[in-house]
N, C-alpha and C. Protein backbone atom coordinates (compact mmCIF):
# COMPACT_ATOMS: atom_id res chain seq x y z
N MET A 1 12.16 3.49 -7.61
CA MET A 1 12.35 4.90 -7.68
C MET A 1 13.46 5.21 -8.66
N ALA A 2 13.18 6.06 -9.60
CA ALA A 2 14.16 6.38 -10.63
C ALA A 2 15.25 7.30 -10.08
N ASN A 3 14.86 8.39 -9.45
CA ASN A 3 15.85 9.30 -8.89
C ASN A 3 15.19 10.23 -7.88
N LEU A 4 16.01 11.03 -7.26
CA LEU A 4 15.54 11.94 -6.22
C LEU A 4 14.59 12.99 -6.78
N ARG A 5 14.85 13.46 -7.98
CA ARG A 5 13.99 14.47 -8.59
C ARG A 5 12.57 13.94 -8.77
N PHE A 6 12.44 12.67 -9.20
CA PHE A 6 11.12 12.07 -9.38
C PHE A 6 10.40 11.95 -8.04
N LEU A 7 11.14 11.59 -7.00
CA LEU A 7 10.54 11.48 -5.66
C LEU A 7 10.01 12.83 -5.18
N LYS A 8 10.77 13.88 -5.40
CA LYS A 8 10.33 15.21 -4.98
C LYS A 8 9.11 15.66 -5.78
N LYS A 9 9.07 15.33 -7.06
CA LYS A 9 7.90 15.66 -7.87
C LYS A 9 6.67 14.92 -7.37
N GLU A 10 6.85 13.68 -6.95
CA GLU A 10 5.72 12.92 -6.43
C GLU A 10 5.21 13.51 -5.11
N ILE A 11 6.13 13.94 -4.27
CA ILE A 11 5.73 14.60 -3.02
C ILE A 11 4.92 15.85 -3.33
N ASP A 12 5.41 16.67 -4.26
CA ASP A 12 4.70 17.89 -4.63
C ASP A 12 3.34 17.58 -5.26
N TYR A 13 3.28 16.54 -6.08
CA TYR A 13 2.02 16.16 -6.72
C TYR A 13 0.99 15.77 -5.67
N ARG A 14 1.40 14.98 -4.69
CA ARG A 14 0.45 14.56 -3.65
C ARG A 14 -0.02 15.76 -2.83
N LEU A 15 0.88 16.71 -2.56
CA LEU A 15 0.47 17.91 -1.84
C LEU A 15 -0.49 18.75 -2.67
N GLU A 16 -0.24 18.85 -3.96
CA GLU A 16 -1.13 19.62 -4.83
C GLU A 16 -2.52 19.00 -4.86
N GLU A 17 -2.60 17.69 -4.94
CA GLU A 17 -3.90 17.00 -4.93
C GLU A 17 -4.62 17.24 -3.61
N PHE A 18 -3.88 17.19 -2.51
CA PHE A 18 -4.48 17.43 -1.21
C PHE A 18 -4.96 18.88 -1.10
N ALA A 19 -4.15 19.82 -1.56
CA ALA A 19 -4.54 21.23 -1.50
C ALA A 19 -5.78 21.49 -2.37
N PHE A 20 -5.84 20.85 -3.53
CA PHE A 20 -7.01 21.01 -4.38
C PHE A 20 -8.26 20.49 -3.68
N ASP A 21 -8.17 19.33 -3.05
CA ASP A 21 -9.31 18.79 -2.32
C ASP A 21 -9.70 19.69 -1.16
N CYS A 22 -8.71 20.29 -0.51
CA CYS A 22 -9.01 21.22 0.59
C CYS A 22 -9.74 22.46 0.07
N HIS A 23 -9.31 22.98 -1.07
CA HIS A 23 -9.99 24.15 -1.64
C HIS A 23 -11.43 23.80 -2.02
N MET A 24 -11.63 22.62 -2.55
CA MET A 24 -12.99 22.19 -2.90
C MET A 24 -13.83 22.04 -1.63
N ALA A 25 -13.25 21.53 -0.57
CA ALA A 25 -13.98 21.38 0.69
C ALA A 25 -14.38 22.75 1.24
N ILE A 26 -13.49 23.72 1.14
CA ILE A 26 -13.82 25.08 1.60
C ILE A 26 -14.92 25.67 0.74
N PHE A 27 -14.88 25.42 -0.55
CA PHE A 27 -15.90 25.93 -1.45
C PHE A 27 -17.26 25.33 -1.14
N VAL A 28 -17.29 24.03 -0.84
CA VAL A 28 -18.55 23.35 -0.59
C VAL A 28 -19.07 23.63 0.82
N GLN A 29 -18.15 23.67 1.79
CA GLN A 29 -18.54 23.90 3.18
C GLN A 29 -17.73 25.05 3.77
N PRO A 30 -18.13 26.27 3.51
CA PRO A 30 -17.33 27.41 3.98
C PRO A 30 -17.31 27.55 5.50
N ASN A 31 -18.24 26.93 6.20
CA ASN A 31 -18.26 27.03 7.66
C ASN A 31 -17.14 26.22 8.31
N LYS A 32 -16.49 25.34 7.57
CA LYS A 32 -15.41 24.52 8.12
C LYS A 32 -14.04 24.96 7.60
N GLU A 33 -13.96 26.22 7.23
CA GLU A 33 -12.73 26.73 6.62
C GLU A 33 -11.53 26.65 7.56
N GLU A 34 -11.71 26.99 8.83
CA GLU A 34 -10.59 26.99 9.78
C GLU A 34 -9.99 25.60 9.93
N GLN A 35 -10.84 24.59 10.05
CA GLN A 35 -10.35 23.22 10.21
C GLN A 35 -9.62 22.76 8.96
N VAL A 36 -10.14 23.11 7.80
CA VAL A 36 -9.50 22.70 6.55
C VAL A 36 -8.16 23.41 6.36
N VAL A 37 -8.09 24.67 6.74
CA VAL A 37 -6.84 25.41 6.63
C VAL A 37 -5.78 24.80 7.56
N GLU A 38 -6.18 24.36 8.74
CA GLU A 38 -5.23 23.68 9.64
C GLU A 38 -4.69 22.40 8.99
N LEU A 39 -5.56 21.67 8.31
CA LEU A 39 -5.12 20.47 7.61
C LEU A 39 -4.17 20.82 6.47
N MET A 40 -4.44 21.91 5.79
CA MET A 40 -3.53 22.35 4.72
C MET A 40 -2.16 22.69 5.29
N GLN A 41 -2.12 23.33 6.46
CA GLN A 41 -0.84 23.65 7.08
C GLN A 41 -0.09 22.38 7.46
N LYS A 42 -0.83 21.37 7.94
CA LYS A 42 -0.20 20.08 8.24
C LYS A 42 0.37 19.45 6.97
N GLY A 43 -0.33 19.61 5.86
CA GLY A 43 0.15 19.08 4.59
C GLY A 43 1.46 19.74 4.16
N VAL A 44 1.54 21.04 4.34
CA VAL A 44 2.77 21.76 3.97
C VAL A 44 3.91 21.35 4.90
N GLU A 45 3.62 21.19 6.19
CA GLU A 45 4.65 20.74 7.13
C GLU A 45 5.12 19.33 6.77
N LEU A 46 4.19 18.48 6.37
CA LEU A 46 4.55 17.12 5.94
C LEU A 46 5.44 17.18 4.71
N ARG A 47 5.10 18.01 3.76
CA ARG A 47 5.91 18.15 2.54
C ARG A 47 7.32 18.58 2.89
N ASN A 48 7.46 19.57 3.78
CA ASN A 48 8.78 20.05 4.17
C ASN A 48 9.58 18.95 4.88
N ALA A 49 8.91 18.19 5.74
CA ALA A 49 9.59 17.10 6.45
C ALA A 49 10.03 16.01 5.48
N LEU A 50 9.19 15.69 4.50
CA LEU A 50 9.55 14.67 3.52
C LEU A 50 10.72 15.13 2.64
N TYR A 51 10.71 16.41 2.28
CA TYR A 51 11.84 16.95 1.50
C TYR A 51 13.14 16.86 2.31
N HIS A 52 13.05 17.18 3.59
CA HIS A 52 14.24 17.10 4.44
C HIS A 52 14.76 15.67 4.51
N LYS A 53 13.84 14.71 4.68
CA LYS A 53 14.25 13.31 4.72
C LYS A 53 14.83 12.87 3.38
N ALA A 54 14.25 13.34 2.29
CA ALA A 54 14.74 12.95 0.97
C ALA A 54 16.13 13.51 0.70
N ASN A 55 16.39 14.70 1.16
CA ASN A 55 17.69 15.33 0.90
C ASN A 55 18.79 14.87 1.85
N ASN A 56 18.41 14.21 2.95
CA ASN A 56 19.40 13.84 3.97
C ASN A 56 19.27 12.38 4.37
N PRO A 57 19.69 11.45 3.51
CA PRO A 57 19.68 10.04 3.93
C PRO A 57 20.70 9.81 5.05
N ALA A 58 20.46 8.79 5.87
CA ALA A 58 21.31 8.53 7.04
C ALA A 58 22.75 8.23 6.64
N GLU A 59 22.95 7.31 5.75
CA GLU A 59 24.28 6.90 5.30
C GLU A 59 24.38 7.08 3.79
N PRO A 60 24.75 8.26 3.30
CA PRO A 60 24.76 8.48 1.85
C PRO A 60 25.78 7.64 1.08
N LYS A 61 26.77 7.09 1.75
CA LYS A 61 27.79 6.29 1.08
C LYS A 61 27.38 4.82 0.92
N ASN A 62 26.48 4.34 1.75
CA ASN A 62 26.06 2.94 1.73
C ASN A 62 24.82 2.80 0.87
N ARG A 63 24.97 2.21 -0.32
CA ARG A 63 23.86 2.13 -1.28
C ARG A 63 22.69 1.32 -0.74
N SER A 64 22.97 0.27 -0.03
CA SER A 64 21.91 -0.59 0.51
C SER A 64 21.04 0.19 1.50
N LEU A 65 21.69 0.92 2.39
CA LEU A 65 20.94 1.71 3.37
C LEU A 65 20.20 2.86 2.72
N VAL A 66 20.77 3.43 1.68
CA VAL A 66 20.09 4.52 0.98
C VAL A 66 18.82 4.01 0.32
N ARG A 67 18.88 2.83 -0.32
CA ARG A 67 17.69 2.24 -0.94
C ARG A 67 16.62 1.96 0.11
N LYS A 68 17.04 1.42 1.25
CA LYS A 68 16.07 1.15 2.33
C LYS A 68 15.48 2.46 2.85
N HIS A 69 16.31 3.49 2.94
CA HIS A 69 15.84 4.79 3.42
C HIS A 69 14.75 5.34 2.49
N TYR A 70 15.00 5.28 1.19
CA TYR A 70 14.02 5.83 0.24
C TYR A 70 12.78 4.96 0.14
N ALA A 71 12.91 3.66 0.31
CA ALA A 71 11.73 2.79 0.32
C ALA A 71 10.86 3.11 1.54
N ALA A 72 11.51 3.31 2.68
CA ALA A 72 10.76 3.68 3.89
C ALA A 72 10.14 5.07 3.72
N LEU A 73 10.84 5.97 3.07
CA LEU A 73 10.31 7.31 2.83
C LEU A 73 9.06 7.26 1.95
N ARG A 74 9.08 6.43 0.92
CA ARG A 74 7.91 6.30 0.04
C ARG A 74 6.71 5.72 0.82
N ARG A 75 6.96 4.72 1.65
CA ARG A 75 5.88 4.16 2.47
C ARG A 75 5.33 5.21 3.43
N ASP A 76 6.22 5.95 4.07
CA ASP A 76 5.81 6.99 5.00
C ASP A 76 5.01 8.07 4.29
N MET A 77 5.44 8.44 3.08
CA MET A 77 4.73 9.44 2.30
C MET A 77 3.31 8.98 1.98
N ALA A 78 3.18 7.75 1.53
CA ALA A 78 1.86 7.23 1.16
C ALA A 78 0.94 7.16 2.38
N GLU A 79 1.47 6.68 3.50
CA GLU A 79 0.66 6.58 4.72
C GLU A 79 0.28 7.95 5.26
N SER A 80 1.21 8.87 5.23
CA SER A 80 0.95 10.20 5.79
C SER A 80 -0.10 10.96 4.98
N PHE A 81 0.03 10.92 3.65
CA PHE A 81 -0.95 11.61 2.84
C PHE A 81 -2.31 10.91 2.90
N ALA A 82 -2.32 9.59 3.02
CA ALA A 82 -3.60 8.89 3.18
C ALA A 82 -4.27 9.31 4.48
N GLY A 83 -3.46 9.50 5.52
CA GLY A 83 -4.00 9.98 6.79
C GLY A 83 -4.58 11.38 6.68
N LEU A 84 -3.89 12.25 5.94
CA LEU A 84 -4.40 13.61 5.74
C LEU A 84 -5.72 13.60 4.97
N PHE A 85 -5.80 12.77 3.93
CA PHE A 85 -7.06 12.68 3.19
C PHE A 85 -8.18 12.13 4.07
N ALA A 86 -7.85 11.19 4.95
CA ALA A 86 -8.85 10.64 5.87
C ALA A 86 -9.31 11.71 6.85
N ASP A 87 -8.38 12.52 7.34
CA ASP A 87 -8.74 13.62 8.24
C ASP A 87 -9.63 14.64 7.54
N LEU A 88 -9.32 14.93 6.29
CA LEU A 88 -10.15 15.85 5.52
C LEU A 88 -11.56 15.30 5.34
N SER A 89 -11.65 14.02 5.06
CA SER A 89 -12.97 13.39 4.92
C SER A 89 -13.75 13.45 6.22
N ALA A 90 -13.06 13.26 7.34
CA ALA A 90 -13.73 13.32 8.64
C ALA A 90 -14.24 14.74 8.93
N VAL A 91 -13.46 15.74 8.56
CA VAL A 91 -13.88 17.12 8.77
C VAL A 91 -15.09 17.47 7.91
N CYS A 92 -15.15 16.94 6.72
CA CYS A 92 -16.21 17.32 5.76
C CYS A 92 -17.49 16.52 5.92
N GLU A 93 -17.55 15.60 6.83
CA GLU A 93 -18.79 14.83 7.00
C GLU A 93 -19.91 15.67 7.55
């Protein structure tokens, strides 16, 4: 990870990709709009939670713990967004 700004941009990029897929799902299957909108709300809540975690590491003075914190945050981000995409796929079947 280069810096905090890059991490925040990556979080926003993943949310944008998810929102785009949600809009496409609504366009293709308008009868499932409510379920897709709920998933979009979960995506926004996830983004806000990830931003909060990114801005507030547990021990900001300890470099080793900060690196571990951001590595765990990146793993959590990847798993969480993968779960959201899986949920979207399940709704659109």
